[in-house]
Amino acid sequence: MIAAYVALGSNLSNPQGQLDSALVALQLLPHTQLERVSSIYRSAAIGPGIQPDYLNAVALLHTQLTPLSLLDALQKIEADQDRVRDVRWGPRTLDLDLLLYADKIMTSPRLTLPHPRMQQRNFVLYPLREISSDDLLMPDGTTLYALLEECSECGLAKTQLHLSAYTLTH
């Protein structure tokens, strides 16, 4: 089984409920186990116009799916939860980003691994640290700690919200 980290985000249509539903769907993926999920973090939206804040989390999966098969599954979960892709970085019901797939480095028209902007996103790095460790190695040998040193926690708030779909089964 391959370790894969997935970022979850939502700022529309009951964001906490969207994250809960996504976790249920992740638990149902074939040949995949949901191992850990971070706390929920609140962050300001990055993108055009005035948008509601996002709720964000990171999940660790162990999977036998290939990176592109996992991406297809993540995009199906997004579509099932009414994700609309009409404005880049616009508001969304659900955003699932494949951050890391073991130590794989990949660039294709559909998928870049590791996620190309994760090192700039505190709403990814801080939840990632919560479910891994500061010495988690990126495929290029950089530690998560080194990325955290370059990425301010400013504007990021750990919430008291809980992802009930995950905690009910673990």
N, C-alpha and C. Protein backbone atom coordinates (compact mmCIF):
# COMPACT_ATOMS: atom_id res chain seq x y z
N MET A 1 0.85 -1.19 0.00
CA MET A 1 0.00 0.00 0.00
C MET A 1 0.89 1.24 0.00
N ILE A 2 0.49 2.23 -0.76
CA ILE A 2 1.22 3.48 -0.92
C ILE A 2 0.59 4.55 -0.03
N ALA A 3 1.42 5.33 0.64
CA ALA A 3 0.93 6.46 1.43
C ALA A 3 0.65 7.63 0.49
N ALA A 4 -0.54 8.19 0.60
CA ALA A 4 -0.93 9.35 -0.20
C ALA A 4 -1.60 10.35 0.72
N TYR A 5 -1.21 11.60 0.59
CA TYR A 5 -1.82 12.67 1.38
C TYR A 5 -2.74 13.48 0.48
N VAL A 6 -3.94 13.75 0.99
CA VAL A 6 -4.97 14.47 0.24
C VAL A 6 -5.43 15.67 1.06
N ALA A 7 -5.45 16.85 0.43
CA ALA A 7 -5.99 18.05 1.07
C ALA A 7 -7.48 18.13 0.76
N LEU A 8 -8.25 18.52 1.78
CA LEU A 8 -9.68 18.71 1.63
C LEU A 8 -10.00 20.16 1.93
N GLY A 9 -10.86 20.77 1.14
CA GLY A 9 -11.26 22.15 1.40
C GLY A 9 -12.68 22.39 0.90
N SER A 10 -13.37 23.29 1.59
CA SER A 10 -14.73 23.66 1.19
C SER A 10 -15.05 25.04 1.74
N ASN A 11 -15.79 25.83 0.94
CA ASN A 11 -16.29 27.10 1.46
C ASN A 11 -17.72 27.39 1.00
N LEU A 12 -18.43 26.37 0.52
CA LEU A 12 -19.82 26.52 0.10
C LEU A 12 -20.67 25.36 0.61
N SER A 13 -21.95 25.63 0.76
CA SER A 13 -22.95 24.58 1.03
C SER A 13 -22.60 23.72 2.22
N ASN A 14 -22.50 24.34 3.39
CA ASN A 14 -22.19 23.62 4.63
C ASN A 14 -20.82 22.97 4.56
N PRO A 15 -19.76 23.77 4.60
CA PRO A 15 -18.40 23.23 4.43
C PRO A 15 -18.06 22.06 5.35
N GLN A 16 -18.46 22.10 6.61
CA GLN A 16 -18.15 20.98 7.49
C GLN A 16 -18.85 19.72 7.01
N GLY A 17 -20.08 19.84 6.59
CA GLY A 17 -20.81 18.69 6.04
C GLY A 17 -20.18 18.18 4.76
N GLN A 18 -19.66 19.09 3.94
CA GLN A 18 -18.97 18.68 2.71
C GLN A 18 -17.73 17.85 3.04
N LEU A 19 -16.96 18.31 4.04
CA LEU A 19 -15.76 17.56 4.43
C LEU A 19 -16.13 16.20 5.01
N ASP A 20 -17.18 16.17 5.82
CA ASP A 20 -17.64 14.89 6.37
C ASP A 20 -18.03 13.92 5.26
N SER A 21 -18.80 14.41 4.29
CA SER A 21 -19.23 13.55 3.19
C SER A 21 -18.04 13.06 2.37
N ALA A 22 -17.07 13.93 2.18
CA ALA A 22 -15.87 13.52 1.44
C ALA A 22 -15.13 12.41 2.18
N LEU A 23 -15.04 12.52 3.50
CA LEU A 23 -14.36 11.47 4.27
C LEU A 23 -15.08 10.13 4.17
N VAL A 24 -16.40 10.16 4.18
CA VAL A 24 -17.17 8.92 3.98
C VAL A 24 -16.81 8.32 2.62
N ALA A 25 -16.78 9.16 1.60
CA ALA A 25 -16.46 8.69 0.25
C ALA A 25 -15.03 8.15 0.18
N LEU A 26 -14.08 8.83 0.85
CA LEU A 26 -12.70 8.34 0.86
C LEU A 26 -12.60 6.97 1.53
N GLN A 27 -13.39 6.77 2.58
CA GLN A 27 -13.38 5.47 3.27
C GLN A 27 -13.93 4.35 2.39
N LEU A 28 -14.72 4.70 1.40
CA LEU A 28 -15.33 3.71 0.53
C LEU A 28 -14.54 3.43 -0.75
N LEU A 29 -13.43 4.14 -0.95
CA LEU A 29 -12.63 3.92 -2.15
C LEU A 29 -12.08 2.49 -2.16
N PRO A 30 -12.10 1.84 -3.31
CA PRO A 30 -11.55 0.48 -3.37
C PRO A 30 -10.04 0.48 -3.16
N HIS A 31 -9.56 -0.58 -2.55
CA HIS A 31 -8.12 -0.79 -2.36
C HIS A 31 -7.47 0.38 -1.63
N THR A 32 -8.21 1.01 -0.74
CA THR A 32 -7.74 2.21 -0.05
C THR A 32 -8.22 2.20 1.39
N GLN A 33 -7.34 2.62 2.28
CA GLN A 33 -7.70 2.78 3.69
C GLN A 33 -7.44 4.22 4.11
N LEU A 34 -8.42 4.81 4.78
CA LEU A 34 -8.25 6.13 5.36
C LEU A 34 -7.57 5.92 6.70
N GLU A 35 -6.34 6.42 6.85
CA GLU A 35 -5.55 6.17 8.05
C GLU A 35 -5.68 7.27 9.10
N ARG A 36 -5.56 8.52 8.68
CA ARG A 36 -5.57 9.65 9.62
C ARG A 36 -6.18 10.87 8.94
N VAL A 37 -6.76 11.73 9.78
CA VAL A 37 -7.30 13.00 9.30
C VAL A 37 -6.92 14.07 10.31
N SER A 38 -6.48 15.21 9.82
CA SER A 38 -6.11 16.33 10.68
C SER A 38 -7.35 16.97 11.29
N SER A 39 -7.10 17.91 12.16
CA SER A 39 -8.16 18.79 12.63
C SER A 39 -8.62 19.64 11.46
N ILE A 40 -9.72 20.35 11.68
CA ILE A 40 -10.22 21.29 10.67
C ILE A 40 -9.60 22.66 10.94
N TYR A 41 -9.13 23.29 9.89
CA TYR A 41 -8.54 24.63 9.97
C TYR A 41 -9.39 25.59 9.14
N ARG A 42 -9.48 26.82 9.60
CA ARG A 42 -10.17 27.87 8.85
C ARG A 42 -9.13 28.80 8.23
N SER A 43 -9.34 29.14 6.96
CA SER A 43 -8.43 30.06 6.28
C SER A 43 -9.22 30.95 5.33
N ALA A 44 -8.66 32.11 5.06
CA ALA A 44 -9.26 33.01 4.09
C ALA A 44 -9.14 32.40 2.70
N ALA A 45 -10.11 32.68 1.86
CA ALA A 45 -10.09 32.17 0.49
C ALA A 45 -8.98 32.84 -0.31
N ILE A 46 -8.36 32.05 -1.18
CA ILE A 46 -7.41 32.57 -2.15
C ILE A 46 -8.14 32.55 -3.48
N GLY A 47 -8.31 33.67 -4.09
CA GLY A 47 -9.00 33.66 -5.37
C GLY A 47 -9.76 34.94 -5.62
N PRO A 48 -10.52 34.93 -6.70
CA PRO A 48 -11.19 36.15 -7.14
C PRO A 48 -12.40 36.50 -6.28
N GLY A 49 -12.66 37.79 -6.19
CA GLY A 49 -13.86 38.26 -5.51
C GLY A 49 -13.86 38.01 -4.02
N ILE A 50 -14.96 38.35 -3.42
CA ILE A 50 -15.15 38.11 -1.98
C ILE A 50 -15.77 36.73 -1.84
N GLN A 51 -15.08 35.89 -1.07
CA GLN A 51 -15.54 34.52 -0.86
C GLN A 51 -15.60 34.23 0.63
N PRO A 52 -16.45 33.28 1.02
CA PRO A 52 -16.42 32.84 2.42
C PRO A 52 -15.09 32.17 2.73
N ASP A 53 -14.74 32.15 4.02
CA ASP A 53 -13.55 31.42 4.46
C ASP A 53 -13.69 29.94 4.12
N TYR A 54 -12.55 29.29 4.01
CA TYR A 54 -12.51 27.85 3.76
C TYR A 54 -12.35 27.09 5.07
N LEU A 55 -12.90 25.89 5.09
CA LEU A 55 -12.53 24.89 6.07
C LEU A 55 -11.62 23.91 5.35
N ASN A 56 -10.51 23.56 5.99
CA ASN A 56 -9.49 22.71 5.37
C ASN A 56 -9.06 21.61 6.31
N ALA A 57 -8.64 20.51 5.74
CA ALA A 57 -8.06 19.39 6.49
C ALA A 57 -7.15 18.62 5.54
N VAL A 58 -6.37 17.71 6.09
CA VAL A 58 -5.53 16.82 5.28
C VAL A 58 -5.76 15.40 5.78
N ALA A 59 -5.86 14.47 4.83
CA ALA A 59 -6.06 13.06 5.15
C ALA A 59 -4.88 12.24 4.62
N LEU A 60 -4.55 11.22 5.37
CA LEU A 60 -3.55 10.23 4.94
C LEU A 60 -4.30 8.98 4.52
N LEU A 61 -4.05 8.57 3.29
CA LEU A 61 -4.62 7.32 2.77
C LEU A 61 -3.49 6.34 2.54
N HIS A 62 -3.79 5.07 2.65
CA HIS A 62 -2.92 4.02 2.13
C HIS A 62 -3.71 3.36 1.01
N THR A 63 -3.12 3.32 -0.17
CA THR A 63 -3.88 2.89 -1.34
C THR A 63 -3.05 2.02 -2.27
N GLN A 64 -3.76 1.22 -3.03
CA GLN A 64 -3.16 0.47 -4.13
C GLN A 64 -3.50 1.11 -5.47
N LEU A 65 -4.31 2.17 -5.45
CA LEU A 65 -4.66 2.86 -6.68
C LEU A 65 -3.43 3.59 -7.23
N THR A 66 -3.33 3.68 -8.53
CA THR A 66 -2.27 4.47 -9.14
C THR A 66 -2.56 5.95 -8.90
N PRO A 67 -1.58 6.83 -9.08
CA PRO A 67 -1.86 8.26 -8.88
C PRO A 67 -3.02 8.77 -9.74
N LEU A 68 -3.06 8.39 -11.01
CA LEU A 68 -4.15 8.88 -11.87
C LEU A 68 -5.49 8.25 -11.53
N SER A 69 -5.48 6.99 -11.11
CA SER A 69 -6.73 6.37 -10.66
C SER A 69 -7.24 7.03 -9.39
N LEU A 70 -6.33 7.37 -8.49
CA LEU A 70 -6.72 8.07 -7.27
C LEU A 70 -7.24 9.47 -7.62
N LEU A 71 -6.58 10.17 -8.53
CA LEU A 71 -7.07 11.48 -8.97
C LEU A 71 -8.48 11.36 -9.55
N ASP A 72 -8.71 10.36 -10.39
CA ASP A 72 -10.05 10.15 -10.95
C ASP A 72 -11.08 9.95 -9.84
N ALA A 73 -10.72 9.17 -8.84
CA ALA A 73 -11.64 8.91 -7.73
C ALA A 73 -11.91 10.20 -6.94
N LEU A 74 -10.88 10.99 -6.72
CA LEU A 74 -11.06 12.26 -5.99
C LEU A 74 -11.95 13.21 -6.79
N GLN A 75 -11.74 13.27 -8.09
CA GLN A 75 -12.56 14.16 -8.90
C GLN A 75 -14.01 13.68 -8.99
N LYS A 76 -14.22 12.39 -8.92
CA LYS A 76 -15.59 11.86 -8.89
C LYS A 76 -16.27 12.26 -7.58
N ILE A 77 -15.54 12.17 -6.47
CA ILE A 77 -16.11 12.59 -5.19
C ILE A 77 -16.49 14.07 -5.26
N GLU A 78 -15.60 14.89 -5.81
CA GLU A 78 -15.91 16.32 -5.97
C GLU A 78 -17.19 16.52 -6.79
N ALA A 79 -17.27 15.83 -7.93
CA ALA A 79 -18.45 15.97 -8.80
C ALA A 79 -19.72 15.50 -8.10
N ASP A 80 -19.62 14.41 -7.34
CA ASP A 80 -20.77 13.90 -6.60
C ASP A 80 -21.25 14.90 -5.55
N GLN A 81 -20.36 15.79 -5.13
CA GLN A 81 -20.71 16.81 -4.15
C GLN A 81 -20.87 18.19 -4.82
N ASP A 82 -21.24 18.14 -6.10
CA ASP A 82 -21.63 19.33 -6.86
C ASP A 82 -20.50 20.34 -7.06
N ARG A 83 -19.28 19.87 -7.16
CA ARG A 83 -18.16 20.75 -7.48
C ARG A 83 -18.33 21.28 -8.90
N VAL A 84 -18.23 22.59 -9.06
CA VAL A 84 -18.31 23.23 -10.36
C VAL A 84 -16.95 23.86 -10.65
N ARG A 85 -16.41 23.61 -11.81
CA ARG A 85 -15.09 24.13 -12.20
C ARG A 85 -15.25 25.22 -13.26
N ASP A 86 -15.80 26.37 -12.85
CA ASP A 86 -15.98 27.43 -13.83
C ASP A 86 -15.06 28.62 -13.61
N VAL A 87 -14.56 28.83 -12.38
CA VAL A 87 -13.67 29.94 -12.07
C VAL A 87 -12.46 29.39 -11.33
N ARG A 88 -11.27 29.63 -11.87
CA ARG A 88 -10.06 29.17 -11.19
C ARG A 88 -9.97 29.81 -9.82
N TRP A 89 -9.76 29.01 -8.81
CA TRP A 89 -9.66 29.42 -7.41
C TRP A 89 -10.94 30.08 -6.90
N GLY A 90 -12.05 29.78 -7.58
CA GLY A 90 -13.33 30.31 -7.13
C GLY A 90 -13.88 29.50 -5.96
N PRO A 91 -15.00 29.94 -5.40
CA PRO A 91 -15.60 29.20 -4.30
C PRO A 91 -16.02 27.80 -4.77
N ARG A 92 -16.03 26.86 -3.84
CA ARG A 92 -16.38 25.50 -4.22
C ARG A 92 -16.97 24.72 -3.06
N THR A 93 -17.81 23.77 -3.43
CA THR A 93 -18.38 22.89 -2.42
C THR A 93 -17.31 21.98 -1.86
N LEU A 94 -16.41 21.53 -2.73
CA LEU A 94 -15.38 20.60 -2.28
C LEU A 94 -14.17 20.67 -3.21
N ASP A 95 -13.01 20.69 -2.60
CA ASP A 95 -11.75 20.64 -3.34
C ASP A 95 -10.91 19.54 -2.71
N LEU A 96 -10.54 18.55 -3.49
CA LEU A 96 -9.67 17.46 -3.04
C LEU A 96 -8.42 17.50 -3.89
N ASP A 97 -7.28 17.76 -3.25
CA ASP A 97 -6.01 17.84 -3.97
C ASP A 97 -5.09 16.72 -3.51
N LEU A 98 -4.56 15.97 -4.46
CA LEU A 98 -3.56 14.95 -4.16
C LEU A 98 -2.23 15.67 -3.95
N LEU A 99 -1.76 15.68 -2.71
CA LEU A 99 -0.55 16.41 -2.35
C LEU A 99 0.71 15.61 -2.60
N LEU A 100 0.73 14.41 -2.04
CA LEU A 100 1.90 13.53 -2.11
C LEU A 100 1.42 12.11 -2.38
N TYR A 101 2.16 11.39 -3.18
CA TYR A 101 1.91 9.99 -3.44
C TYR A 101 3.25 9.29 -3.26
N ALA A 102 3.47 8.78 -2.03
CA ALA A 102 4.78 8.24 -1.65
C ALA A 102 5.85 9.28 -1.98
N ASP A 103 6.92 8.87 -2.63
CA ASP A 103 7.96 9.83 -2.99
C ASP A 103 7.95 10.11 -4.50
N LYS A 104 6.80 9.91 -5.10
CA LYS A 104 6.67 10.05 -6.56
C LYS A 104 6.75 11.51 -6.99
N ILE A 105 7.53 11.72 -8.04
CA ILE A 105 7.60 13.00 -8.73
C ILE A 105 7.00 12.76 -10.11
N MET A 106 6.04 13.59 -10.47
CA MET A 106 5.30 13.35 -11.71
C MET A 106 4.79 14.67 -12.26
N THR A 107 4.91 14.84 -13.56
CA THR A 107 4.30 16.00 -14.23
C THR A 107 3.61 15.48 -15.48
N SER A 108 2.30 15.68 -15.51
CA SER A 108 1.51 15.29 -16.68
C SER A 108 0.46 16.38 -16.88
N PRO A 109 -0.24 16.34 -17.99
CA PRO A 109 -1.28 17.35 -18.20
C PRO A 109 -2.36 17.35 -17.11
N ARG A 110 -2.57 16.22 -16.47
CA ARG A 110 -3.64 16.10 -15.46
C ARG A 110 -3.16 16.18 -14.03
N LEU A 111 -1.89 15.86 -13.78
CA LEU A 111 -1.46 15.73 -12.39
C LEU A 111 0.02 16.07 -12.25
N THR A 112 0.31 16.88 -11.24
CA THR A 112 1.69 17.17 -10.87
C THR A 112 1.88 16.73 -9.42
N LEU A 113 2.91 15.94 -9.20
CA LEU A 113 3.24 15.47 -7.85
C LEU A 113 4.69 15.80 -7.56
N PRO A 114 4.98 16.27 -6.36
CA PRO A 114 4.01 16.69 -5.36
C PRO A 114 3.20 17.88 -5.85
N HIS A 115 2.11 18.17 -5.15
CA HIS A 115 1.25 19.28 -5.55
C HIS A 115 2.11 20.54 -5.71
N PRO A 116 1.99 21.24 -6.83
CA PRO A 116 2.94 22.32 -7.14
C PRO A 116 2.89 23.54 -6.24
N ARG A 117 1.79 23.77 -5.52
CA ARG A 117 1.72 24.97 -4.68
C ARG A 117 1.60 24.64 -3.19
N MET A 118 1.76 23.39 -2.83
CA MET A 118 1.55 23.03 -1.42
C MET A 118 2.52 23.74 -0.49
N GLN A 119 3.75 24.00 -0.93
CA GLN A 119 4.76 24.61 -0.07
C GLN A 119 4.42 26.06 0.27
N GLN A 120 3.47 26.66 -0.45
CA GLN A 120 3.07 28.05 -0.21
C GLN A 120 1.79 28.15 0.61
N ARG A 121 1.19 27.04 0.95
CA ARG A 121 -0.15 27.04 1.54
C ARG A 121 -0.13 26.55 2.98
N ASN A 122 -0.28 27.50 3.88
CA ASN A 122 -0.30 27.13 5.30
C ASN A 122 -1.47 26.22 5.63
N PHE A 123 -2.58 26.36 4.91
CA PHE A 123 -3.76 25.52 5.17
C PHE A 123 -3.55 24.09 4.71
N VAL A 124 -2.44 23.82 4.06
CA VAL A 124 -2.03 22.45 3.71
C VAL A 124 -0.91 21.98 4.64
N LEU A 125 0.11 22.81 4.82
CA LEU A 125 1.30 22.38 5.56
C LEU A 125 1.04 22.13 7.04
N TYR A 126 0.27 22.98 7.69
CA TYR A 126 0.05 22.81 9.13
C TYR A 126 -0.83 21.59 9.43
N PRO A 127 -1.92 21.36 8.69
CA PRO A 127 -2.66 20.10 8.91
C PRO A 127 -1.83 18.87 8.53
N LEU A 128 -0.98 19.00 7.50
CA LEU A 128 -0.11 17.89 7.12
C LEU A 128 0.82 17.53 8.26
N ARG A 129 1.39 18.54 8.90
CA ARG A 129 2.28 18.28 10.04
C ARG A 129 1.54 17.56 11.16
N GLU A 130 0.29 17.92 11.36
CA GLU A 130 -0.50 17.32 12.45
C GLU A 130 -0.63 15.81 12.29
N ILE A 131 -0.72 15.32 11.06
CA ILE A 131 -0.92 13.88 10.86
C ILE A 131 0.34 13.15 10.39
N SER A 132 1.44 13.88 10.26
CA SER A 132 2.70 13.23 9.89
C SER A 132 3.74 13.65 10.92
N SER A 133 4.78 14.29 10.49
CA SER A 133 5.80 14.78 11.41
C SER A 133 6.62 15.84 10.70
N ASP A 134 7.33 16.64 11.48
CA ASP A 134 8.17 17.69 10.90
C ASP A 134 9.24 17.10 9.99
N ASP A 135 9.64 15.85 10.24
CA ASP A 135 10.70 15.26 9.41
C ASP A 135 10.16 14.48 8.21
N LEU A 136 8.86 14.64 7.91
CA LEU A 136 8.32 14.06 6.69
C LEU A 136 9.12 14.60 5.51
N LEU A 137 9.62 13.72 4.68
CA LEU A 137 10.44 14.12 3.53
C LEU A 137 9.58 14.28 2.29
N MET A 138 9.80 15.39 1.61
CA MET A 138 9.21 15.60 0.31
C MET A 138 10.06 14.81 -0.69
N PRO A 139 9.51 14.53 -1.87
CA PRO A 139 10.27 13.75 -2.85
C PRO A 139 11.62 14.34 -3.22
N ASP A 140 11.79 15.67 -3.06
CA ASP A 140 13.09 16.28 -3.39
C ASP A 140 14.05 16.28 -2.21
N GLY A 141 13.66 15.66 -1.10
CA GLY A 141 14.52 15.58 0.08
C GLY A 141 14.30 16.69 1.09
N THR A 142 13.50 17.69 0.77
CA THR A 142 13.17 18.77 1.70
C THR A 142 12.27 18.22 2.80
N THR A 143 12.51 18.64 4.03
CA THR A 143 11.64 18.20 5.13
C THR A 143 10.42 19.10 5.22
N LEU A 144 9.36 18.57 5.79
CA LEU A 144 8.18 19.38 6.07
C LEU A 144 8.56 20.54 6.98
N TYR A 145 9.44 20.30 7.93
CA TYR A 145 9.90 21.36 8.83
C TYR A 145 10.48 22.54 8.05
N ALA A 146 11.29 22.26 7.06
CA ALA A 146 11.88 23.34 6.24
C ALA A 146 10.80 24.12 5.50
N LEU A 147 9.78 23.43 5.01
CA LEU A 147 8.68 24.13 4.34
C LEU A 147 7.91 25.00 5.33
N LEU A 148 7.70 24.47 6.53
CA LEU A 148 6.97 25.23 7.55
C LEU A 148 7.73 26.49 7.97
N GLU A 149 9.05 26.41 7.98
CA GLU A 149 9.87 27.57 8.33
C GLU A 149 9.66 28.72 7.35
N GLU A 150 9.30 28.39 6.12
CA GLU A 150 9.12 29.40 5.07
C GLU A 150 7.66 29.80 4.87
N CYS A 151 6.75 29.23 5.65
CA CYS A 151 5.31 29.46 5.42
C CYS A 151 4.66 29.90 6.73
N SER A 152 4.27 31.13 6.79
CA SER A 152 3.67 31.71 7.99
C SER A 152 2.33 31.04 8.33
N GLU A 153 2.07 30.96 9.61
CA GLU A 153 0.80 30.45 10.09
C GLU A 153 -0.25 31.55 10.10
N CYS A 154 0.14 32.76 9.75
CA CYS A 154 -0.73 33.94 9.78
C CYS A 154 -2.01 33.70 8.97
N GLY A 155 -3.15 34.01 9.59
CA GLY A 155 -4.43 33.87 8.90
C GLY A 155 -5.02 32.48 8.96
N LEU A 156 -4.34 31.54 9.59
CA LEU A 156 -4.81 30.17 9.70
C LEU A 156 -5.25 29.92 11.14
N ALA A 157 -6.42 29.33 11.31
CA ALA A 157 -6.93 29.07 12.66
C ALA A 157 -7.41 27.62 12.76
N LYS A 158 -6.86 26.91 13.72
CA LYS A 158 -7.35 25.56 14.01
C LYS A 158 -8.70 25.71 14.71
N THR A 159 -9.70 25.01 14.21
CA THR A 159 -11.05 25.15 14.77
C THR A 159 -11.30 24.08 15.82
N GLN A 160 -12.42 24.19 16.48
CA GLN A 160 -12.87 23.17 17.42
C GLN A 160 -13.86 22.21 16.76
N LEU A 161 -14.06 22.37 15.46
CA LEU A 161 -14.99 21.52 14.73
C LEU A 161 -14.40 20.11 14.60
N HIS A 162 -15.28 19.14 14.50
CA HIS A 162 -14.84 17.75 14.36
C HIS A 162 -15.47 17.14 13.12
N LEU A 163 -14.74 16.30 12.48
CA LEU A 163 -15.25 15.58 11.31
C LEU A 163 -15.90 14.30 11.80
N SER A 164 -17.21 14.33 11.97
CA SER A 164 -17.92 13.23 12.60
C SER A 164 -17.86 11.94 11.79
N ALA A 165 -17.83 12.03 10.48
CA ALA A 165 -17.79 10.81 9.67
C ALA A 165 -16.53 10.01 9.96
N TYR A 166 -15.44 10.70 10.20
CA TYR A 166 -14.19 10.01 10.49
C TYR A 166 -14.14 9.53 11.93
N THR A 167 -14.50 10.39 12.87
CA THR A 167 -14.37 10.02 14.28
C THR A 167 -15.35 8.92 14.66
N LEU A 168 -16.45 8.78 13.95
CA LEU A 168 -17.40 7.71 14.26
C LEU A 168 -16.84 6.34 13.94
N THR A 169 -15.90 6.27 13.00
CA THR A 169 -15.37 4.96 12.60
C THR A 169 -13.98 4.68 13.14
N HIS A 170 -13.36 5.64 13.87
CA HIS A 170 -12.01 5.42 14.35
C HIS A 170 -11.89 5.73 15.82
